[in-house]
């Protein structure tokens, strides 16, 4: 079985730090990210085998209680998610451009994973709540049909949960825009 990741997004820093401590003590997971995000939230991302990640997320949500904004466990996360989070994707050409914007970090990562699994697209970037008032977005590229399918699949969960801000597919983005995104 592939790598699983899990995330808890806390409404405040103190609960986030306390919850992160509980998460890493609860199971054999690797702490990938533990940082404040806008607007005054705290986000913790862990990886490991599915059972360990589930235990870790459960511990974080218990400690976080009412301060948990969003959370997920993704078994077999698509390998394109990690380079997108760290802005190290090796996209050389932007064909059609897809953008999914969400209200939470968790919903953006889930959207990126679903989009990458749904169609032959590449993730350009996954911007996570820094300088965005707590919102997040993922940018994708590929052939127009693939990007349309990916954006539709990627935005479905966030839309169903009321966490989708907006989505768009631009069939032929301007070269100046492409230069700004890469």
N, C-alpha and C. Protein backbone atom coordinates (compact mmCIF):
# COMPACT_ATOMS: atom_id res chain seq x y z
N UNK A 1 0.85 -1.19 0.00
CA UNK A 1 0.00 0.00 0.00
C UNK A 1 0.89 1.24 0.00
N UNK A 2 0.44 2.32 -0.66
CA UNK A 2 1.23 3.53 -0.79
C UNK A 2 1.21 4.39 0.46
N UNK A 3 1.84 5.50 0.34
CA UNK A 3 1.95 6.46 1.42
C UNK A 3 0.60 7.10 1.71
N UNK A 4 0.28 7.25 2.97
CA UNK A 4 -0.91 7.98 3.38
C UNK A 4 -0.47 9.30 4.00
N UNK A 5 -1.29 10.32 3.81
CA UNK A 5 -1.06 11.58 4.50
C UNK A 5 -2.34 11.95 5.23
N UNK A 6 -2.18 12.75 6.26
CA UNK A 6 -3.32 13.24 7.01
C UNK A 6 -3.05 14.65 7.48
N UNK A 7 -4.08 15.43 7.63
CA UNK A 7 -3.92 16.83 8.01
C UNK A 7 -5.03 17.23 8.97
N UNK A 8 -4.66 18.04 9.93
CA UNK A 8 -5.64 18.70 10.79
C UNK A 8 -5.37 20.19 10.70
N UNK A 9 -6.42 20.94 10.44
CA UNK A 9 -6.35 22.40 10.37
C UNK A 9 -7.09 22.95 11.59
N UNK A 10 -6.34 23.65 12.43
CA UNK A 10 -6.88 24.16 13.70
C UNK A 10 -7.21 25.65 13.57
N UNK A 11 -8.21 26.11 14.30
CA UNK A 11 -8.66 27.50 14.25
C UNK A 11 -7.70 28.46 14.93
N UNK A 12 -6.83 27.94 15.81
CA UNK A 12 -5.89 28.83 16.49
C UNK A 12 -4.55 28.13 16.72
N UNK A 13 -3.54 28.91 16.98
CA UNK A 13 -2.17 28.42 17.11
C UNK A 13 -1.99 27.55 18.35
N UNK A 14 -2.54 27.95 19.48
CA UNK A 14 -2.32 27.18 20.71
C UNK A 14 -2.89 25.77 20.61
N UNK A 15 -4.12 25.64 20.12
CA UNK A 15 -4.70 24.31 19.93
C UNK A 15 -3.93 23.54 18.86
N UNK A 16 -3.43 24.25 17.86
CA UNK A 16 -2.65 23.61 16.82
C UNK A 16 -1.36 23.00 17.35
N UNK A 17 -0.67 23.72 18.18
CA UNK A 17 0.57 23.21 18.75
C UNK A 17 0.28 22.05 19.70
N UNK A 18 -0.75 22.21 20.53
CA UNK A 18 -1.13 21.13 21.44
C UNK A 18 -1.58 19.89 20.67
N UNK A 19 -2.38 20.11 19.63
CA UNK A 19 -2.87 19.00 18.82
C UNK A 19 -1.75 18.30 18.06
N UNK A 20 -0.79 19.07 17.57
CA UNK A 20 0.36 18.49 16.86
C UNK A 20 1.16 17.60 17.79
N UNK A 21 1.37 18.04 19.01
CA UNK A 21 2.08 17.22 19.99
C UNK A 21 1.37 15.88 20.18
N UNK A 22 0.06 15.92 20.34
CA UNK A 22 -0.71 14.69 20.52
C UNK A 22 -0.63 13.80 19.28
N UNK A 23 -0.63 14.42 18.10
CA UNK A 23 -0.60 13.66 16.84
C UNK A 23 0.69 12.86 16.69
N UNK A 24 1.82 13.50 16.97
CA UNK A 24 3.09 12.79 16.77
C UNK A 24 3.37 11.80 17.89
N UNK A 25 2.76 11.99 19.04
CA UNK A 25 2.91 11.03 20.14
C UNK A 25 1.98 9.83 19.98
N UNK A 26 0.90 9.99 19.23
CA UNK A 26 -0.12 8.94 19.14
C UNK A 26 0.26 7.79 18.21
N UNK A 27 1.13 8.04 17.25
CA UNK A 27 1.42 7.00 16.25
C UNK A 27 2.77 7.27 15.59
N UNK A 28 3.27 6.25 14.92
CA UNK A 28 4.55 6.34 14.22
C UNK A 28 4.33 7.03 12.87
N UNK A 29 4.31 8.36 12.89
CA UNK A 29 4.12 9.16 11.69
C UNK A 29 5.29 10.13 11.53
N UNK A 30 5.46 10.60 10.30
CA UNK A 30 6.46 11.64 10.04
C UNK A 30 5.74 12.98 9.98
N UNK A 31 6.23 13.94 10.72
CA UNK A 31 5.66 15.28 10.72
C UNK A 31 6.20 16.03 9.50
N UNK A 32 5.34 16.31 8.54
CA UNK A 32 5.75 16.98 7.30
C UNK A 32 5.61 18.49 7.38
N UNK A 33 4.62 18.94 8.14
CA UNK A 33 4.34 20.36 8.21
C UNK A 33 3.62 20.66 9.51
N UNK A 34 4.06 21.68 10.20
CA UNK A 34 3.38 22.18 11.40
C UNK A 34 3.66 23.66 11.45
N UNK A 35 2.67 24.47 11.01
CA UNK A 35 2.94 25.90 10.92
C UNK A 35 1.66 26.72 11.00
N UNK A 36 1.83 27.96 11.41
CA UNK A 36 0.68 28.88 11.38
C UNK A 36 0.33 29.20 9.93
N UNK A 37 -0.95 29.37 9.67
CA UNK A 37 -1.44 29.80 8.37
C UNK A 37 -2.43 30.93 8.58
N UNK A 38 -2.73 31.65 7.54
CA UNK A 38 -3.68 32.75 7.62
C UNK A 38 -5.09 32.21 7.78
N UNK A 39 -5.99 32.88 8.42
CA UNK A 39 -5.81 34.02 9.31
C UNK A 39 -5.73 33.55 10.77
N UNK A 40 -4.55 33.29 11.24
CA UNK A 40 -4.34 32.88 12.61
C UNK A 40 -4.65 31.43 12.89
N UNK A 41 -4.65 30.59 11.85
CA UNK A 41 -4.90 29.16 12.03
C UNK A 41 -3.56 28.43 12.17
N UNK A 42 -3.61 27.12 12.38
CA UNK A 42 -2.41 26.29 12.48
C UNK A 42 -2.71 25.00 11.74
N UNK A 43 -1.77 24.57 10.89
CA UNK A 43 -1.97 23.40 10.05
C UNK A 43 -0.88 22.38 10.31
N UNK A 44 -1.28 21.11 10.48
CA UNK A 44 -0.36 20.02 10.74
C UNK A 44 -0.61 18.91 9.72
N UNK A 45 0.47 18.49 9.04
CA UNK A 45 0.41 17.45 8.03
C UNK A 45 1.37 16.33 8.42
N UNK A 46 0.88 15.09 8.42
CA UNK A 46 1.70 13.93 8.77
C UNK A 46 1.61 12.89 7.66
N UNK A 47 2.60 11.98 7.63
CA UNK A 47 2.56 10.87 6.68
C UNK A 47 2.97 9.59 7.37
N UNK A 48 2.63 8.47 6.75
CA UNK A 48 2.99 7.16 7.27
C UNK A 48 2.04 6.13 6.70
N UNK A 49 1.98 4.96 7.35
CA UNK A 49 1.02 3.97 6.87
C UNK A 49 -0.38 4.40 7.29
N UNK A 50 -1.38 3.88 6.61
CA UNK A 50 -2.75 4.34 6.79
C UNK A 50 -3.21 4.27 8.25
N UNK A 51 -2.96 3.16 8.91
CA UNK A 51 -3.40 3.01 10.30
C UNK A 51 -2.77 4.04 11.22
N UNK A 52 -1.47 4.27 11.05
CA UNK A 52 -0.79 5.26 11.89
C UNK A 52 -1.32 6.66 11.63
N UNK A 53 -1.54 6.99 10.36
CA UNK A 53 -2.05 8.32 10.03
C UNK A 53 -3.46 8.50 10.59
N UNK A 54 -4.30 7.49 10.48
CA UNK A 54 -5.66 7.58 11.06
C UNK A 54 -5.60 7.81 12.57
N UNK A 55 -4.71 7.09 13.26
CA UNK A 55 -4.57 7.25 14.71
C UNK A 55 -4.08 8.65 15.06
N UNK A 56 -3.14 9.15 14.28
CA UNK A 56 -2.59 10.48 14.52
C UNK A 56 -3.65 11.56 14.33
N UNK A 57 -4.39 11.46 13.24
CA UNK A 57 -5.44 12.45 12.97
C UNK A 57 -6.53 12.39 14.04
N UNK A 58 -6.89 11.19 14.45
CA UNK A 58 -7.89 11.04 15.52
C UNK A 58 -7.43 11.74 16.80
N UNK A 59 -6.15 11.56 17.16
CA UNK A 59 -5.62 12.21 18.36
C UNK A 59 -5.67 13.73 18.22
N UNK A 60 -5.31 14.24 17.06
CA UNK A 60 -5.34 15.69 16.84
C UNK A 60 -6.73 16.26 16.90
N UNK A 61 -7.70 15.54 16.36
CA UNK A 61 -9.08 16.05 16.40
C UNK A 61 -9.68 15.99 17.79
N UNK A 62 -9.28 15.01 18.58
CA UNK A 62 -9.76 14.94 19.97
C UNK A 62 -9.22 16.12 20.76
N UNK A 63 -7.93 16.37 20.66
CA UNK A 63 -7.32 17.49 21.40
C UNK A 63 -7.83 18.82 20.87
N UNK A 64 -7.96 18.93 19.54
CA UNK A 64 -8.41 20.18 18.93
C UNK A 64 -9.86 20.48 19.20
N UNK A 65 -10.68 19.44 19.34
CA UNK A 65 -12.11 19.57 19.63
C UNK A 65 -12.77 20.63 18.76
N UNK A 66 -13.36 21.64 19.38
CA UNK A 66 -14.08 22.69 18.65
C UNK A 66 -13.17 23.58 17.81
N UNK A 67 -11.86 23.48 18.01
CA UNK A 67 -10.92 24.31 17.25
C UNK A 67 -10.51 23.65 15.93
N UNK A 68 -11.02 22.46 15.62
CA UNK A 68 -10.70 21.81 14.35
C UNK A 68 -11.57 22.43 13.25
N UNK A 69 -10.89 23.01 12.26
CA UNK A 69 -11.56 23.63 11.13
C UNK A 69 -11.86 22.59 10.06
N UNK A 70 -10.89 21.72 9.79
CA UNK A 70 -11.04 20.71 8.75
C UNK A 70 -9.96 19.66 8.96
N UNK A 71 -10.16 18.48 8.38
CA UNK A 71 -9.18 17.41 8.51
C UNK A 71 -9.41 16.37 7.42
N UNK A 72 -8.40 15.54 7.16
CA UNK A 72 -8.56 14.43 6.23
C UNK A 72 -7.49 13.38 6.47
N UNK A 73 -7.74 12.19 5.92
CA UNK A 73 -6.74 11.13 5.77
C UNK A 73 -6.85 10.70 4.31
N UNK A 74 -5.72 10.74 3.59
CA UNK A 74 -5.69 10.33 2.19
C UNK A 74 -4.76 9.13 2.03
N UNK A 75 -5.32 7.93 1.87
CA UNK A 75 -4.46 6.79 1.58
C UNK A 75 -3.99 6.89 0.12
N UNK A 76 -2.81 6.39 -0.16
CA UNK A 76 -2.29 6.38 -1.53
C UNK A 76 -2.36 7.74 -2.21
N UNK A 77 -1.86 8.76 -1.55
CA UNK A 77 -1.86 10.11 -2.09
C UNK A 77 -1.11 10.12 -3.43
N UNK A 78 -1.61 10.90 -4.38
CA UNK A 78 -0.96 11.02 -5.69
C UNK A 78 0.41 11.66 -5.51
N UNK A 79 1.45 11.10 -6.15
CA UNK A 79 2.81 11.65 -5.96
C UNK A 79 2.98 13.08 -6.44
N UNK A 80 2.10 13.58 -7.27
CA UNK A 80 2.20 14.96 -7.73
C UNK A 80 1.77 15.99 -6.70
N UNK A 81 1.17 15.55 -5.60
CA UNK A 81 0.72 16.49 -4.57
C UNK A 81 1.91 17.13 -3.85
N UNK A 82 2.92 16.35 -3.52
CA UNK A 82 4.05 16.89 -2.74
C UNK A 82 4.83 17.98 -3.47
N UNK A 83 5.21 17.79 -4.74
CA UNK A 83 5.90 18.89 -5.43
C UNK A 83 5.03 20.14 -5.56
N UNK A 84 3.72 19.96 -5.68
CA UNK A 84 2.83 21.12 -5.78
C UNK A 84 2.80 21.90 -4.47
N UNK A 85 2.79 21.18 -3.34
CA UNK A 85 2.78 21.85 -2.03
C UNK A 85 4.06 22.65 -1.82
N UNK A 86 5.19 22.09 -2.25
CA UNK A 86 6.49 22.75 -2.03
C UNK A 86 6.90 23.64 -3.19
N UNK A 87 6.00 23.83 -4.16
CA UNK A 87 6.26 24.68 -5.34
C UNK A 87 7.51 24.23 -6.09
N UNK A 88 7.71 22.92 -6.17
CA UNK A 88 8.86 22.37 -6.90
C UNK A 88 8.43 21.51 -8.08
N UNK A 89 7.21 21.69 -8.54
CA UNK A 89 6.74 20.94 -9.70
C UNK A 89 7.60 21.27 -10.90
N UNK A 90 7.80 20.29 -11.75
CA UNK A 90 8.65 20.48 -12.93
C UNK A 90 7.79 20.60 -14.19
N UNK A 91 6.83 21.50 -14.15
CA UNK A 91 5.96 21.72 -15.31
C UNK A 91 6.71 22.62 -16.28
N UNK A 92 6.86 22.14 -17.50
CA UNK A 92 7.61 22.89 -18.51
C UNK A 92 6.73 23.63 -19.49
N UNK A 93 5.50 23.16 -19.66
CA UNK A 93 4.59 23.78 -20.61
C UNK A 93 3.19 23.81 -20.02
N UNK A 94 2.55 24.96 -20.11
CA UNK A 94 1.17 25.09 -19.66
C UNK A 94 0.30 25.09 -20.91
N UNK A 95 -0.57 24.09 -20.99
CA UNK A 95 -1.53 24.01 -22.10
C UNK A 95 -2.79 24.72 -21.61
N UNK A 96 -3.81 23.96 -21.28
CA UNK A 96 -4.97 24.56 -20.62
C UNK A 96 -4.62 24.76 -19.15
N UNK A 97 -5.24 25.73 -18.52
CA UNK A 97 -4.98 26.03 -17.11
C UNK A 97 -6.25 25.83 -16.31
N UNK A 98 -6.16 25.06 -15.24
CA UNK A 98 -7.27 24.88 -14.32
C UNK A 98 -6.91 25.40 -12.95
N UNK A 99 -7.87 26.02 -12.29
CA UNK A 99 -7.65 26.55 -10.94
C UNK A 99 -8.84 26.16 -10.07
N UNK A 100 -8.53 25.61 -8.90
CA UNK A 100 -9.56 25.30 -7.90
C UNK A 100 -9.18 26.08 -6.64
N UNK A 101 -10.09 26.91 -6.15
CA UNK A 101 -9.85 27.73 -4.96
C UNK A 101 -10.80 27.28 -3.85
N UNK A 102 -10.25 27.08 -2.65
CA UNK A 102 -11.04 26.57 -1.52
C UNK A 102 -10.85 27.45 -0.29
N UNK A 103 -11.71 27.21 0.70
CA UNK A 103 -11.65 27.95 1.95
C UNK A 103 -10.71 27.34 2.99
N UNK A 104 -10.30 26.07 2.82
CA UNK A 104 -9.43 25.44 3.81
C UNK A 104 -8.25 24.74 3.14
N UNK A 105 -7.17 24.59 3.92
CA UNK A 105 -5.99 23.87 3.46
C UNK A 105 -6.36 22.42 3.15
N UNK A 106 -7.08 21.79 4.05
CA UNK A 106 -7.45 20.39 3.87
C UNK A 106 -8.22 20.19 2.57
N UNK A 107 -9.20 21.04 2.31
CA UNK A 107 -10.01 20.86 1.10
C UNK A 107 -9.20 21.10 -0.16
N UNK A 108 -8.19 21.96 -0.11
CA UNK A 108 -7.34 22.19 -1.28
C UNK A 108 -6.47 20.98 -1.59
N UNK A 109 -5.92 20.35 -0.56
CA UNK A 109 -5.08 19.16 -0.77
C UNK A 109 -5.93 18.00 -1.27
N UNK A 110 -7.11 17.82 -0.71
CA UNK A 110 -8.02 16.77 -1.18
C UNK A 110 -8.40 17.05 -2.64
N UNK A 111 -8.65 18.30 -2.98
CA UNK A 111 -8.99 18.67 -4.35
C UNK A 111 -7.85 18.35 -5.31
N UNK A 112 -6.63 18.68 -4.92
CA UNK A 112 -5.47 18.41 -5.77
C UNK A 112 -5.30 16.92 -5.99
N UNK A 113 -5.42 16.14 -4.93
CA UNK A 113 -5.28 14.69 -5.05
C UNK A 113 -6.34 14.11 -5.98
N UNK A 114 -7.59 14.51 -5.80
CA UNK A 114 -8.69 14.00 -6.64
C UNK A 114 -8.50 14.42 -8.09
N UNK A 115 -8.08 15.66 -8.32
CA UNK A 115 -7.87 16.14 -9.68
C UNK A 115 -6.76 15.37 -10.38
N UNK A 116 -5.65 15.15 -9.68
CA UNK A 116 -4.52 14.43 -10.28
C UNK A 116 -4.86 12.97 -10.55
N UNK A 117 -5.71 12.39 -9.74
CA UNK A 117 -6.11 11.00 -9.95
C UNK A 117 -7.18 10.86 -11.04
N UNK A 118 -7.91 11.93 -11.34
CA UNK A 118 -9.04 11.86 -12.26
C UNK A 118 -8.66 11.95 -13.73
N UNK A 119 -7.55 12.61 -14.03
CA UNK A 119 -7.21 12.86 -15.43
C UNK A 119 -5.71 13.05 -15.59
N UNK A 120 -5.27 13.01 -16.84
CA UNK A 120 -3.85 13.18 -17.16
C UNK A 120 -3.49 14.66 -17.13
N UNK A 121 -3.30 15.18 -15.92
CA UNK A 121 -2.92 16.58 -15.72
C UNK A 121 -1.70 16.63 -14.81
N UNK A 122 -1.06 17.79 -14.80
CA UNK A 122 0.06 18.03 -13.89
C UNK A 122 -0.33 19.16 -12.95
N UNK A 123 0.07 19.06 -11.70
CA UNK A 123 -0.15 20.15 -10.76
C UNK A 123 1.00 21.13 -10.90
N UNK A 124 0.68 22.39 -11.03
CA UNK A 124 1.70 23.44 -11.09
C UNK A 124 2.06 23.86 -9.68
N UNK A 125 1.03 24.20 -8.90
CA UNK A 125 1.27 24.67 -7.52
C UNK A 125 0.04 24.44 -6.67
N UNK A 126 0.29 24.26 -5.40
CA UNK A 126 -0.77 24.15 -4.40
C UNK A 126 -0.42 25.18 -3.33
N UNK A 127 -1.09 26.34 -3.37
CA UNK A 127 -0.80 27.45 -2.46
C UNK A 127 -1.68 27.33 -1.23
N UNK A 128 -1.05 27.25 -0.06
CA UNK A 128 -1.76 26.90 1.17
C UNK A 128 -1.86 28.03 2.18
N UNK A 129 -2.84 28.88 2.05
CA UNK A 129 -3.30 29.81 3.08
C UNK A 129 -2.27 30.80 3.62
N UNK A 130 -1.21 31.02 2.89
CA UNK A 130 -0.24 32.04 3.32
C UNK A 130 -0.44 33.26 2.41
N UNK A 131 -0.83 34.37 3.01
CA UNK A 131 -1.06 35.59 2.24
C UNK A 131 -2.35 35.56 1.44
N UNK A 132 -3.25 34.65 1.78
CA UNK A 132 -4.49 34.51 1.02
C UNK A 132 -5.72 34.61 1.92
N UNK A 133 -5.55 35.14 3.12
CA UNK A 133 -6.68 35.25 4.03
C UNK A 133 -7.26 33.90 4.44
N UNK A 134 -6.40 32.88 4.41
CA UNK A 134 -6.83 31.54 4.80
C UNK A 134 -7.32 30.68 3.66
N UNK A 135 -7.53 31.28 2.49
CA UNK A 135 -7.97 30.49 1.33
C UNK A 135 -6.75 29.81 0.69
N UNK A 136 -7.04 28.85 -0.19
CA UNK A 136 -5.99 28.08 -0.85
C UNK A 136 -6.39 27.86 -2.30
N UNK A 137 -5.40 27.53 -3.15
CA UNK A 137 -5.74 27.16 -4.51
C UNK A 137 -4.72 26.21 -5.08
N UNK A 138 -5.18 25.44 -6.07
CA UNK A 138 -4.31 24.54 -6.82
C UNK A 138 -4.42 24.94 -8.29
N UNK A 139 -3.27 24.97 -8.98
CA UNK A 139 -3.25 25.22 -10.42
C UNK A 139 -2.80 23.94 -11.11
N UNK A 140 -3.47 23.64 -12.23
CA UNK A 140 -3.25 22.40 -12.97
C UNK A 140 -3.10 22.71 -14.46
N UNK A 141 -2.42 21.82 -15.18
CA UNK A 141 -2.34 21.97 -16.63
C UNK A 141 -2.40 20.62 -17.33
N UNK A 142 -2.78 20.68 -18.58
CA UNK A 142 -2.90 19.50 -19.44
C UNK A 142 -3.76 19.87 -20.62
N UNK A 143 -4.20 18.88 -21.37
CA UNK A 143 -5.12 19.14 -22.47
C UNK A 143 -6.44 19.65 -21.91
N UNK A 144 -7.18 20.41 -22.71
CA UNK A 144 -8.41 21.06 -22.24
C UNK A 144 -9.37 20.06 -21.61
N UNK A 145 -9.65 18.96 -22.29
CA UNK A 145 -10.59 17.97 -21.76
C UNK A 145 -10.14 17.38 -20.45
N UNK A 146 -8.85 17.09 -20.35
CA UNK A 146 -8.31 16.52 -19.11
C UNK A 146 -8.40 17.53 -17.97
N UNK A 147 -8.09 18.79 -18.24
CA UNK A 147 -8.16 19.82 -17.20
C UNK A 147 -9.61 20.02 -16.76
N UNK A 148 -10.55 20.00 -17.71
CA UNK A 148 -11.97 20.14 -17.33
C UNK A 148 -12.40 18.99 -16.43
N UNK A 149 -12.00 17.76 -16.78
CA UNK A 149 -12.35 16.59 -15.95
C UNK A 149 -11.68 16.68 -14.58
N UNK A 150 -10.43 17.09 -14.55
CA UNK A 150 -9.69 17.19 -13.29
C UNK A 150 -10.29 18.25 -12.38
N UNK A 151 -10.61 19.41 -12.92
CA UNK A 151 -11.19 20.50 -12.12
C UNK A 151 -12.57 20.08 -11.59
N UNK A 152 -13.34 19.41 -12.41
CA UNK A 152 -14.65 18.94 -11.97
C UNK A 152 -14.51 17.93 -10.82
N UNK A 153 -13.65 16.94 -11.01
CA UNK A 153 -13.44 15.92 -9.96
C UNK A 153 -12.80 16.52 -8.72
N UNK A 154 -11.84 17.40 -8.92
CA UNK A 154 -11.13 18.00 -7.79
C UNK A 154 -11.98 18.93 -6.95
N UNK A 155 -12.94 19.57 -7.55
CA UNK A 155 -13.76 20.53 -6.80
C UNK A 155 -15.01 19.90 -6.19
N UNK A 156 -15.31 18.65 -6.53
CA UNK A 156 -16.56 18.02 -6.08
C UNK A 156 -16.69 17.95 -4.56
N UNK A 157 -15.66 17.46 -3.87
CA UNK A 157 -15.75 17.32 -2.42
C UNK A 157 -15.88 18.68 -1.73
N UNK A 158 -15.05 19.64 -2.15
CA UNK A 158 -15.11 20.98 -1.54
C UNK A 158 -16.47 21.62 -1.80
N UNK A 159 -17.00 21.44 -2.98
CA UNK A 159 -18.31 22.00 -3.31
C UNK A 159 -19.40 21.37 -2.44
N UNK A 160 -19.37 20.07 -2.29
CA UNK A 160 -20.37 19.37 -1.49
C UNK A 160 -20.33 19.79 -0.03
N UNK A 161 -19.15 20.16 0.45
CA UNK A 161 -18.99 20.55 1.86
C UNK A 161 -19.08 22.06 2.08
N UNK A 162 -19.37 22.82 1.03
CA UNK A 162 -19.47 24.28 1.15
C UNK A 162 -18.13 24.97 1.28
N UNK A 163 -17.07 24.32 0.83
CA UNK A 163 -15.71 24.87 0.98
C UNK A 163 -15.08 25.31 -0.34
N UNK A 164 -15.84 25.27 -1.42
CA UNK A 164 -15.33 25.70 -2.72
C UNK A 164 -15.57 27.20 -2.88
N UNK A 165 -14.50 27.94 -3.15
CA UNK A 165 -14.63 29.38 -3.42
C UNK A 165 -15.02 29.56 -4.88
N UNK A 166 -14.21 28.96 -5.76
CA UNK A 166 -14.44 29.10 -7.19
C UNK A 166 -13.56 28.12 -7.95
N UNK A 167 -13.86 27.95 -9.24
CA UNK A 167 -13.03 27.13 -10.10
C UNK A 167 -13.12 27.69 -11.51
N UNK A 168 -12.07 27.45 -12.28
CA UNK A 168 -12.06 27.95 -13.65
C UNK A 168 -11.14 27.07 -14.50
N UNK A 169 -11.47 26.97 -15.79
CA UNK A 169 -10.60 26.35 -16.78
C UNK A 169 -10.38 27.38 -17.88
N UNK A 170 -9.11 27.68 -18.16
CA UNK A 170 -8.75 28.61 -19.22
C UNK A 170 -8.09 27.78 -20.32
N UNK A 171 -8.78 27.61 -21.48
CA UNK A 171 -8.26 26.72 -22.51
C UNK A 171 -6.90 27.13 -23.08
N UNK A 172 -6.67 28.42 -23.21
CA UNK A 172 -5.41 28.87 -23.81
C UNK A 172 -4.94 30.13 -23.07
N UNK A 173 -4.27 29.95 -21.91
CA UNK A 173 -3.87 31.10 -21.11
C UNK A 173 -2.82 31.96 -21.81
N UNK A 174 -2.85 33.26 -21.55
CA UNK A 174 -1.86 34.19 -22.12
C UNK A 174 -0.46 33.82 -21.67
N UNK A 175 0.50 34.01 -22.56
CA UNK A 175 1.89 33.64 -22.25
C UNK A 175 2.43 34.43 -21.06
N UNK A 176 1.95 35.66 -20.87
CA UNK A 176 2.39 36.46 -19.74
C UNK A 176 1.89 35.87 -18.42
N UNK A 177 0.68 35.35 -18.44
CA UNK A 177 0.14 34.68 -17.25
C UNK A 177 0.92 33.42 -16.95
N UNK A 178 1.19 32.63 -17.99
CA UNK A 178 1.95 31.39 -17.83
C UNK A 178 3.33 31.68 -17.22
N UNK A 179 3.99 32.72 -17.71
CA UNK A 179 5.31 33.10 -17.19
C UNK A 179 5.22 33.46 -15.70
N UNK A 180 4.14 34.10 -15.32
CA UNK A 180 3.97 34.49 -13.91
C UNK A 180 3.72 33.27 -13.02
N UNK A 181 3.10 32.23 -13.58
CA UNK A 181 2.76 31.05 -12.78
C UNK A 181 3.91 30.06 -12.65
N UNK A 182 4.82 30.05 -13.60
CA UNK A 182 5.90 29.06 -13.56
C UNK A 182 7.11 29.55 -12.84
